[in-house]
Amino acid sequence: VKAPTSLPTSASGLPETTPGGTVKPRPANQSRENRRVRQFRSASEITQEELASCFHLPSEAACRKLGIGLTVLKRQCRKFGIKRWPFRKMK
């Protein structure tokens, strides 16, 4: 009985690449069609007016309303010269 063969591995335990540099195709469950669709917007789509319309909300609620993450919100604020989220000052 012959022992099953495995892929050659490097010292790190990862499979080595082929001499031609070819990449194995992904399994069917990880194809582009089956991946989860991005739920957030890109930072470049957020305008200063959209940010200003959310100043009355806490930053986390503003993120949910705008469909962006907190880091993106903070980056956009810095881009528009807003040093601190003004929710507490607006009360």
Protein backbone atom coordinates (compact mmCIF):
# COMPACT_ATOMS: atom_id res chain seq x y z
CA VAL A 1 0.00 0.00 0.00
CA LYS A 2 1.31 3.38 -1.00
CA ALA A 3 1.25 6.26 1.47
CA PRO A 4 -0.82 9.27 0.37
CA THR A 5 1.27 12.05 -1.07
CA SER A 6 1.02 15.59 0.20
CA LEU A 7 2.07 18.93 -1.17
CA PRO A 8 5.68 19.83 -0.54
CA THR A 9 5.89 22.31 2.27
CA SER A 10 8.42 24.94 3.17
CA ALA A 11 9.92 25.43 6.62
CA SER A 12 6.93 27.59 7.58
CA GLY A 13 4.51 24.77 6.78
CA LEU A 14 2.95 26.56 3.81
CA PRO A 15 2.72 24.86 0.40
CA GLU A 16 5.49 25.87 -1.96
CA THR A 17 4.72 27.55 -5.24
CA THR A 18 5.20 25.72 -8.49
CA PRO A 19 8.24 26.56 -10.64
CA GLY A 20 5.97 28.22 -13.19
CA GLY A 21 4.39 30.36 -10.48
CA THR A 22 0.92 29.02 -11.15
CA VAL A 23 -1.74 29.44 -8.52
CA LYS A 24 -4.25 26.76 -7.70
CA PRO A 25 -7.88 27.68 -8.34
CA ARG A 26 -9.99 28.49 -5.29
CA PRO A 27 -12.51 26.00 -3.97
CA ALA A 28 -16.03 26.60 -5.27
CA ASN A 29 -17.30 27.93 -1.93
CA GLN A 30 -14.76 30.81 -2.02
CA SER A 31 -15.37 32.03 -5.55
CA ARG A 32 -16.16 35.68 -6.17
CA GLU A 33 -19.83 34.93 -6.74
CA ASN A 34 -20.20 33.36 -3.29
CA ARG A 35 -18.38 36.00 -1.22
CA ARG A 36 -20.32 38.29 1.05
CA VAL A 37 -21.15 41.66 -0.52
CA ARG A 38 -19.50 44.68 1.13
CA GLN A 39 -21.93 46.38 3.50
CA PHE A 40 -20.06 49.65 3.90
CA ARG A 41 -19.52 52.60 1.58
CA SER A 42 -16.10 53.79 0.50
CA ALA A 43 -14.66 56.85 2.21
CA SER A 44 -14.58 58.87 -1.00
CA GLU A 45 -18.38 58.69 -1.25
CA ILE A 46 -18.94 60.62 2.01
CA THR A 47 -19.43 64.37 1.68
CA GLN A 48 -19.02 67.07 4.30
CA GLU A 49 -22.76 67.78 4.09
CA GLU A 50 -23.56 64.16 4.90
CA LEU A 51 -21.28 64.31 7.92
CA ALA A 52 -22.84 67.58 9.08
CA SER A 53 -26.31 66.04 8.88
CA CYS A 54 -25.24 63.49 11.52
CA PHE A 55 -23.60 65.86 14.04
CA HIS A 56 -26.63 65.53 16.34
CA LEU A 57 -25.97 61.76 16.65
CA PRO A 58 -23.30 59.88 18.61
CA SER A 59 -20.46 58.78 16.34
CA GLU A 60 -21.50 55.10 16.36
CA ALA A 61 -25.07 55.98 15.34
CA ALA A 62 -23.74 58.29 12.62
CA CYS A 63 -21.65 55.41 11.27
CA ARG A 64 -24.71 53.17 11.07
CA LYS A 65 -26.74 55.89 9.34
CA LEU A 66 -23.99 56.62 6.81
CA GLY A 67 -23.12 52.95 6.27
CA ILE A 68 -19.44 53.38 7.15
CA GLY A 69 -17.14 52.19 9.90
CA LEU A 70 -15.90 54.34 12.77
CA THR A 71 -12.37 54.52 11.37
CA VAL A 72 -13.68 55.79 8.02
CA LEU A 73 -15.80 58.38 9.83
CA LYS A 74 -12.78 59.64 11.76
CA ARG A 75 -10.61 59.78 8.64
CA GLN A 76 -13.23 61.77 6.77
CA CYS A 77 -13.60 64.16 9.71
CA ARG A 78 -9.85 64.78 9.67
CA LYS A 79 -9.97 65.27 5.90
CA PHE A 80 -12.63 67.98 6.31
CA GLY A 81 -10.86 69.65 9.26
CA ILE A 82 -13.17 68.34 11.99
CA LYS A 83 -10.85 67.50 14.89
CA ARG A 84 -13.49 66.02 17.20
CA TRP A 85 -16.98 64.57 16.63
CA PRO A 86 -19.27 67.46 17.73
CA PHE A 87 -22.16 65.46 19.22
CA ARG A 88 -21.57 66.55 22.84
CA LYS A 89 -21.14 70.20 21.88
CA MET A 90 -24.40 70.20 19.89
CA LYS A 91 -26.63 69.35 22.90
